[in-house]
Amino acid sequence: TGVNHIELRMFDLNPLVDAGVEEKDVIFAQ
């Protein structure tokens, strides 16, 4: 069926934000 998406597996949990990940870091990856 081919590629649907790419997975990035290197993000640490970020305890400094409630979600565990900072939105700006996800956008930076994009």
PDB file of all heavy atoms in Angstrom:
ATOM      1  N   THR A   1       0.808  -1.228   0.000  1.00  0.00           N
ATOM      2  CA  THR A   1       0.000   0.000   0.000  1.00  0.00           C
ATOM      3  C   THR A   1       0.835   1.269   0.000  1.00  0.00           C
ATOM      4  O   THR A   1       0.308   2.347  -0.238  1.00  0.00           O
ATOM      5  CB  THR A   1      -0.952   0.024   1.204  1.00  0.00           C
ATOM      6  OG1 THR A   1      -0.196   0.081   2.421  1.00  0.00           O
ATOM      7  CG2 THR A   1      -1.826  -1.219   1.231  1.00  0.00           C
ATOM      8  N   GLY A   2       2.120   1.150   0.277  1.00  0.00           N
ATOM      9  CA  GLY A   2       2.988   2.304   0.219  1.00  0.00           C
ATOM     10  C   GLY A   2       3.028   3.102   1.511  1.00  0.00           C
ATOM     11  O   GLY A   2       2.395   2.762   2.508  1.00  0.00           O
ATOM     12  N   VAL A   3       3.777   4.182   1.468  1.00  0.00           N
ATOM     13  CA  VAL A   3       3.992   5.021   2.656  1.00  0.00           C
ATOM     14  C   VAL A   3       2.782   5.913   2.882  1.00  0.00           C
ATOM     15  O   VAL A   3       2.262   6.535   1.953  1.00  0.00           O
ATOM     16  CB  VAL A   3       5.255   5.888   2.492  1.00  0.00           C
ATOM     17  CG1 VAL A   3       5.500   6.703   3.763  1.00  0.00           C
ATOM     18  CG2 VAL A   3       6.472   5.035   2.165  1.00  0.00           C
ATOM     19  N   ASN A   4       2.366   5.984   4.129  1.00  0.00           N
ATOM     20  CA  ASN A   4       1.295   6.898   4.516  1.00  0.00           C
ATOM     21  C   ASN A   4       1.828   8.096   5.289  1.00  0.00           C
ATOM     22  O   ASN A   4       1.348   9.206   5.132  1.00  0.00           O
ATOM     23  CB  ASN A   4       0.266   6.161   5.371  1.00  0.00           C
ATOM     24  CG  ASN A   4      -0.868   7.051   5.831  1.00  0.00           C
ATOM     25  OD1 ASN A   4      -1.699   7.457   5.017  1.00  0.00           O
ATOM     26  ND2 ASN A   4      -0.915   7.382   7.120  1.00  0.00           N
ATOM     27  N   HIS A   5       2.840   7.847   6.153  1.00  0.00           N
ATOM     28  CA  HIS A   5       3.374   8.949   6.963  1.00  0.00           C
ATOM     29  C   HIS A   5       4.757   8.598   7.478  1.00  0.00           C
ATOM     30  O   HIS A   5       5.211   7.460   7.373  1.00  0.00           O
ATOM     31  CB  HIS A   5       2.442   9.277   8.136  1.00  0.00           C
ATOM     32  CG  HIS A   5       2.264   8.160   9.116  1.00  0.00           C
ATOM     33  ND1 HIS A   5       1.356   7.132   8.939  1.00  0.00           N
ATOM     34  CD2 HIS A   5       2.874   7.890  10.308  1.00  0.00           C
ATOM     35  CE1 HIS A   5       1.412   6.294   9.953  1.00  0.00           C
ATOM     36  NE2 HIS A   5       2.333   6.725  10.799  1.00  0.00           N
ATOM     37  N   ILE A   6       5.414   9.582   8.044  1.00  0.00           N
ATOM     38  CA  ILE A   6       6.725   9.414   8.638  1.00  0.00           C
ATOM     39  C   ILE A   6       6.596   9.550  10.150  1.00  0.00           C
ATOM     40  O   ILE A   6       5.806  10.366  10.639  1.00  0.00           O
ATOM     41  CB  ILE A   6       7.732  10.442   8.061  1.00  0.00           C
ATOM     42  CG1 ILE A   6       9.165  10.147   8.520  1.00  0.00           C
ATOM     43  CG2 ILE A   6       7.330  11.869   8.395  1.00  0.00           C
ATOM     44  CD1 ILE A   6      10.207  10.953   7.755  1.00  0.00           C
ATOM     45  N   GLU A   7       7.333   8.716  10.872  1.00  0.00           N
ATOM     46  CA  GLU A   7       7.288   8.742  12.337  1.00  0.00           C
ATOM     47  C   GLU A   7       8.641   9.187  12.875  1.00  0.00           C
ATOM     48  O   GLU A   7       9.681   8.639  12.494  1.00  0.00           O
ATOM     49  CB  GLU A   7       6.941   7.352  12.889  1.00  0.00           C
ATOM     50  CG  GLU A   7       6.891   7.304  14.413  1.00  0.00           C
ATOM     51  CD  GLU A   7       6.720   5.893  14.956  1.00  0.00           C
ATOM     52  OE1 GLU A   7       7.242   4.937  14.317  1.00  0.00           O
ATOM     53  OE2 GLU A   7       6.077   5.735  16.008  1.00  0.00           O
ATOM     54  N   LEU A   8       8.617  10.172  13.774  1.00  0.00           N
ATOM     55  CA  LEU A   8       9.818  10.685  14.432  1.00  0.00           C
ATOM     56  C   LEU A   8       9.767  10.241  15.888  1.00  0.00           C
ATOM     57  O   LEU A   8       8.844  10.593  16.619  1.00  0.00           O
ATOM     58  CB  LEU A   8       9.870  12.212  14.336  1.00  0.00           C
ATOM     59  CG  LEU A   8       9.654  12.797  12.933  1.00  0.00           C
ATOM     60  CD1 LEU A   8       9.644  14.316  12.991  1.00  0.00           C
ATOM     61  CD2 LEU A   8      10.710  12.286  11.963  1.00  0.00           C
ATOM     62  N   ARG A   9      10.799   9.482  16.312  1.00  0.00           N
ATOM     63  CA  ARG A   9      10.730   8.779  17.583  1.00  0.00           C
ATOM     64  C   ARG A   9      11.698   9.332  18.642  1.00  0.00           C
ATOM     65  O   ARG A   9      11.922   8.690  19.670  1.00  0.00           O
ATOM     66  CB  ARG A   9      11.040   7.298  17.350  1.00  0.00           C
ATOM     67  CG  ARG A   9      10.098   6.630  16.368  1.00  0.00           C
ATOM     68  CD  ARG A   9      10.641   5.320  15.837  1.00  0.00           C
ATOM     69  NE  ARG A   9      11.029   4.392  16.887  1.00  0.00           N
ATOM     70  CZ  ARG A   9      10.183   3.577  17.504  1.00  0.00           C
ATOM     71  NH1 ARG A   9       8.896   3.577  17.184  1.00  0.00           N
ATOM     72  NH2 ARG A   9      10.611   2.753  18.436  1.00  0.00           N
ATOM     73  N   MET A  10      12.280  10.513  18.407  1.00  0.00           N
ATOM     74  CA  MET A  10      13.390  10.959  19.250  1.00  0.00           C
ATOM     75  C   MET A  10      13.025  11.993  20.315  1.00  0.00           C
ATOM     76  O   MET A  10      13.892  12.468  21.041  1.00  0.00           O
ATOM     77  CB  MET A  10      14.514  11.523  18.381  1.00  0.00           C
ATOM     78  CG  MET A  10      14.162  12.828  17.669  1.00  0.00           C
ATOM     79  SD  MET A  10      13.055  12.661  16.257  1.00  0.00           S
ATOM     80  CE  MET A  10      14.147  12.022  15.015  1.00  0.00           C
ATOM     81  N   PHE A  11      11.745  12.338  20.448  1.00  0.00           N
ATOM     82  CA  PHE A  11      11.365  13.369  21.405  1.00  0.00           C
ATOM     83  C   PHE A  11      11.351  12.810  22.828  1.00  0.00           C
ATOM     84  O   PHE A  11      10.670  11.829  23.120  1.00  0.00           O
ATOM     85  CB  PHE A  11       9.960  13.906  21.113  1.00  0.00           C
ATOM     86  CG  PHE A  11       9.860  14.853  19.946  1.00  0.00           C
ATOM     87  CD1 PHE A  11      10.450  14.554  18.724  1.00  0.00           C
ATOM     88  CD2 PHE A  11       9.160  16.034  20.062  1.00  0.00           C
ATOM     89  CE1 PHE A  11      10.339  15.411  17.650  1.00  0.00           C
ATOM     90  CE2 PHE A  11       9.039  16.915  18.990  1.00  0.00           C
ATOM     91  CZ  PHE A  11       9.636  16.597  17.780  1.00  0.00           C
ATOM     92  N   ASP A  12      12.075  13.447  23.748  1.00  0.00           N
ATOM     93  CA  ASP A  12      11.931  13.118  25.166  1.00  0.00           C
ATOM     94  C   ASP A  12      10.611  13.661  25.692  1.00  0.00           C
ATOM     95  O   ASP A  12      10.066  14.655  25.161  1.00  0.00           O
ATOM     96  CB  ASP A  12      13.050  13.774  25.985  1.00  0.00           C
ATOM     97  CG  ASP A  12      14.302  12.916  26.061  1.00  0.00           C
ATOM     98  OD1 ASP A  12      14.280  11.769  25.593  1.00  0.00           O
ATOM     99  OD2 ASP A  12      15.313  13.412  26.595  1.00  0.00           O
ATOM    100  N   LEU A  13      10.096  13.043  26.758  1.00  0.00           N
ATOM    101  CA  LEU A  13       9.005  13.665  27.495  1.00  0.00           C
ATOM    102  C   LEU A  13       9.510  14.978  28.086  1.00  0.00           C
ATOM    103  O   LEU A  13      10.598  15.020  28.661  1.00  0.00           O
ATOM    104  CB  LEU A  13       8.520  12.761  28.631  1.00  0.00           C
ATOM    105  CG  LEU A  13       7.810  11.464  28.255  1.00  0.00           C
ATOM    106  CD1 LEU A  13       7.396  10.714  29.516  1.00  0.00           C
ATOM    107  CD2 LEU A  13       6.598  11.728  27.392  1.00  0.00           C
ATOM    108  N   ASN A  14       8.738  16.018  27.956  1.00  0.00           N
ATOM    109  CA  ASN A  14       9.106  17.320  28.500  1.00  0.00           C
ATOM    110  C   ASN A  14       8.269  17.586  29.746  1.00  0.00           C
ATOM    111  O   ASN A  14       7.105  17.986  29.645  1.00  0.00           O
ATOM    112  CB  ASN A  14       8.877  18.406  27.456  1.00  0.00           C
ATOM    113  CG  ASN A  14       9.314  19.780  27.928  1.00  0.00           C
ATOM    114  OD1 ASN A  14       9.656  19.960  29.102  1.00  0.00           O
ATOM    115  ND2 ASN A  14       9.307  20.753  27.047  1.00  0.00           N
ATOM    116  N   PRO A  15       8.827  17.385  30.942  1.00  0.00           N
ATOM    117  CA  PRO A  15       8.045  17.565  32.170  1.00  0.00           C
ATOM    118  C   PRO A  15       7.741  19.018  32.490  1.00  0.00           C
ATOM    119  O   PRO A  15       6.961  19.302  33.409  1.00  0.00           O
ATOM    120  CB  PRO A  15       8.952  16.950  33.243  1.00  0.00           C
ATOM    121  CG  PRO A  15      10.332  17.164  32.716  1.00  0.00           C
ATOM    122  CD  PRO A  15      10.214  16.987  31.226  1.00  0.00           C
ATOM    123  N   LEU A  16       8.324  19.947  31.730  1.00  0.00           N
ATOM    124  CA  LEU A  16       8.109  21.366  32.004  1.00  0.00           C
ATOM    125  C   LEU A  16       6.781  21.867  31.452  1.00  0.00           C
ATOM    126  O   LEU A  16       6.374  22.985  31.765  1.00  0.00           O
ATOM    127  CB  LEU A  16       9.269  22.189  31.416  1.00  0.00           C
ATOM    128  CG  LEU A  16      10.670  21.796  31.915  1.00  0.00           C
ATOM    129  CD1 LEU A  16      11.726  22.632  31.213  1.00  0.00           C
ATOM    130  CD2 LEU A  16      10.766  21.964  33.431  1.00  0.00           C
ATOM    131  N   VAL A  17       6.099  21.053  30.638  1.00  0.00           N
ATOM    132  CA  VAL A  17       4.779  21.426  30.113  1.00  0.00           C
ATOM    133  C   VAL A  17       3.811  20.284  30.413  1.00  0.00           C
ATOM    134  O   VAL A  17       4.188  19.110  30.416  1.00  0.00           O
ATOM    135  CB  VAL A  17       4.811  21.725  28.597  1.00  0.00           C
ATOM    136  CG1 VAL A  17       5.608  22.984  28.318  1.00  0.00           C
ATOM    137  CG2 VAL A  17       5.384  20.554  27.810  1.00  0.00           C
ATOM    138  N   ASP A  18       2.550  20.621  30.658  1.00  0.00           N
ATOM    139  CA  ASP A  18       1.560  19.627  31.083  1.00  0.00           C
ATOM    140  C   ASP A  18       1.381  18.506  30.064  1.00  0.00           C
ATOM    141  O   ASP A  18       1.205  17.343  30.429  1.00  0.00           O
ATOM    142  CB  ASP A  18       0.200  20.308  31.328  1.00  0.00           C
ATOM    143  CG  ASP A  18       0.205  21.173  32.584  1.00  0.00           C
ATOM    144  OD1 ASP A  18       1.206  21.111  33.327  1.00  0.00           O
ATOM    145  OD2 ASP A  18      -0.772  21.898  32.815  1.00  0.00           O
ATOM    146  N   ALA A  19       1.407  18.843  28.791  1.00  0.00           N
ATOM    147  CA  ALA A  19       1.145  17.838  27.750  1.00  0.00           C
ATOM    148  C   ALA A  19       2.271  16.826  27.630  1.00  0.00           C
ATOM    149  O   ALA A  19       2.069  15.719  27.148  1.00  0.00           O
ATOM    150  CB  ALA A  19       0.913  18.523  26.407  1.00  0.00           C
ATOM    151  N   GLY A  20       3.470  17.228  28.040  1.00  0.00           N
ATOM    152  CA  GLY A  20       4.632  16.371  27.845  1.00  0.00           C
ATOM    153  C   GLY A  20       5.405  16.681  26.584  1.00  0.00           C
ATOM    154  O   GLY A  20       6.461  16.099  26.327  1.00  0.00           O
ATOM    155  N   VAL A  21       4.896  17.605  25.787  1.00  0.00           N
ATOM    156  CA  VAL A  21       5.583  18.028  24.569  1.00  0.00           C
ATOM    157  C   VAL A  21       5.193  19.477  24.291  1.00  0.00           C
ATOM    158  O   VAL A  21       4.032  19.866  24.440  1.00  0.00           O
ATOM    159  CB  VAL A  21       5.247  17.108  23.373  1.00  0.00           C
ATOM    160  CG1 VAL A  21       3.757  17.148  23.021  1.00  0.00           C
ATOM    161  CG2 VAL A  21       6.089  17.444  22.151  1.00  0.00           C
ATOM    162  N   GLU A  22       6.168  20.273  23.922  1.00  0.00           N
ATOM    163  CA  GLU A  22       5.963  21.683  23.616  1.00  0.00           C
ATOM    164  C   GLU A  22       5.504  21.833  22.162  1.00  0.00           C
ATOM    165  O   GLU A  22       6.102  21.258  21.240  1.00  0.00           O
ATOM    166  CB  GLU A  22       7.278  22.443  23.845  1.00  0.00           C
ATOM    167  CG  GLU A  22       7.369  23.819  23.243  1.00  0.00           C
ATOM    168  CD  GLU A  22       6.324  24.789  23.773  1.00  0.00           C
ATOM    169  OE1 GLU A  22       6.212  24.907  25.011  1.00  0.00           O
ATOM    170  OE2 GLU A  22       5.627  25.418  22.933  1.00  0.00           O
ATOM    171  N   GLU A  23       4.433  22.592  21.959  1.00  0.00           N
ATOM    172  CA  GLU A  23       3.871  22.760  20.612  1.00  0.00           C
ATOM    173  C   GLU A  23       4.904  23.286  19.627  1.00  0.00           C
ATOM    174  O   GLU A  23       4.974  22.834  18.479  1.00  0.00           O
ATOM    175  CB  GLU A  23       2.667  23.705  20.671  1.00  0.00           C
ATOM    176  CG  GLU A  23       1.995  23.920  19.331  1.00  0.00           C
ATOM    177  CD  GLU A  23       0.844  24.920  19.400  1.00  0.00           C
ATOM    178  OE1 GLU A  23       0.371  25.224  20.516  1.00  0.00           O
ATOM    179  OE2 GLU A  23       0.424  25.406  18.324  1.00  0.00           O
ATOM    180  N   LYS A  24       5.729  24.224  20.039  1.00  0.00           N
ATOM    181  CA  LYS A  24       6.718  24.806  19.126  1.00  0.00           C
ATOM    182  C   LYS A  24       7.712  23.754  18.640  1.00  0.00           C
ATOM    183  O   LYS A  24       8.199  23.831  17.512  1.00  0.00           O
ATOM    184  CB  LYS A  24       7.462  25.963  19.811  1.00  0.00           C
ATOM    185  CG  LYS A  24       6.633  27.212  20.062  1.00  0.00           C
ATOM    186  CD  LYS A  24       7.523  28.344  20.559  1.00  0.00           C
ATOM    187  CE  LYS A  24       6.733  29.610  20.857  1.00  0.00           C
ATOM    188  NZ  LYS A  24       5.913  29.455  22.079  1.00  0.00           N
ATOM    189  N   ASP A  25       8.008  22.765  19.468  1.00  0.00           N
ATOM    190  CA  ASP A  25       8.933  21.711  19.034  1.00  0.00           C
ATOM    191  C   ASP A  25       8.312  20.837  17.948  1.00  0.00           C
ATOM    192  O   ASP A  25       8.995  20.408  17.020  1.00  0.00           O
ATOM    193  CB  ASP A  25       9.331  20.838  20.228  1.00  0.00           C
ATOM    194  CG  ASP A  25      10.201  21.582  21.229  1.00  0.00           C
ATOM    195  OD1 ASP A  25      10.919  22.511  20.826  1.00  0.00           O
ATOM    196  OD2 ASP A  25      10.154  21.236  22.432  1.00  0.00           O
ATOM    197  N   VAL A  26       7.019  20.555  18.077  1.00  0.00           N
ATOM    198  CA  VAL A  26       6.333  19.760  17.054  1.00  0.00           C
ATOM    199  C   VAL A  26       6.261  20.541  15.745  1.00  0.00           C
ATOM    200  O   VAL A  26       6.496  19.989  14.660  1.00  0.00           O
ATOM    201  CB  VAL A  26       4.921  19.354  17.528  1.00  0.00           C
ATOM    202  CG1 VAL A  26       4.207  18.551  16.443  1.00  0.00           C
ATOM    203  CG2 VAL A  26       5.004  18.541  18.817  1.00  0.00           C
ATOM    204  N   ILE A  27       5.964  21.831  15.846  1.00  0.00           N
ATOM    205  CA  ILE A  27       5.916  22.666  14.638  1.00  0.00           C
ATOM    206  C   ILE A  27       7.302  22.766  14.008  1.00  0.00           C
ATOM    207  O   ILE A  27       7.447  22.739  12.777  1.00  0.00           O
ATOM    208  CB  ILE A  27       5.348  24.056  14.967  1.00  0.00           C
ATOM    209  CG1 ILE A  27       3.889  23.934  15.416  1.00  0.00           C
ATOM    210  CG2 ILE A  27       5.460  24.988  13.760  1.00  0.00           C
ATOM    211  CD1 ILE A  27       3.283  25.233  15.915  1.00  0.00           C
ATOM    212  N   PHE A  28       8.328  22.877  14.844  1.00  0.00           N
ATOM    213  CA  PHE A  28       9.695  22.929  14.317  1.00  0.00           C
ATOM    214  C   PHE A  28      10.027  21.668  13.529  1.00  0.00           C
ATOM    215  O   PHE A  28      10.665  21.725  12.470  1.00  0.00           O
ATOM    216  CB  PHE A  28      10.693  23.129  15.455  1.00  0.00           C
ATOM    217  CG  PHE A  28      12.130  23.160  14.996  1.00  0.00           C
ATOM    218  CD1 PHE A  28      12.615  24.236  14.262  1.00  0.00           C
ATOM    219  CD2 PHE A  28      12.994  22.115  15.292  1.00  0.00           C
ATOM    220  CE1 PHE A  28      13.949  24.263  13.822  1.00  0.00           C
ATOM    221  CE2 PHE A  28      14.317  22.126  14.863  1.00  0.00           C
ATOM    222  CZ  PHE A  28      14.791  23.211  14.133  1.00  0.00           C
ATOM    223  N   ALA A  29       9.587  20.517  14.040  1.00  0.00           N
ATOM    224  CA  ALA A  29       9.804  19.262  13.304  1.00  0.00           C
ATOM    225  C   ALA A  29       9.134  19.321  11.941  1.00  0.00           C
ATOM    226  O   ALA A  29       9.699  18.883  10.924  1.00  0.00           O
ATOM    227  CB  ALA A  29       9.271  18.083  14.120  1.00  0.00           C
ATOM    228  N   GLN A  30       7.915  19.861  11.891  1.00  0.00           N
ATOM    229  CA  GLN A  30       7.219  20.021  10.615  1.00  0.00           C
ATOM    230  C   GLN A  30       8.003  20.946   9.685  1.00  0.00           C
ATOM    231  O   GLN A  30       8.210  20.628   8.502  1.00  0.00           O
ATOM    232  CB  GLN A  30       5.819  20.591  10.841  1.00  0.00           C
ATOM    233  CG  GLN A  30       5.048  20.847   9.554  1.00  0.00           C
ATOM    234  CD  GLN A  30       3.843  21.750   9.742  1.00  0.00           C
ATOM    235  OE1 GLN A  30       3.792  22.539  10.699  1.00  0.00           O
ATOM    236  NE2 GLN A  30       2.873  21.654   8.845  1.00  0.00           N
TER     237      GLN A  30
END
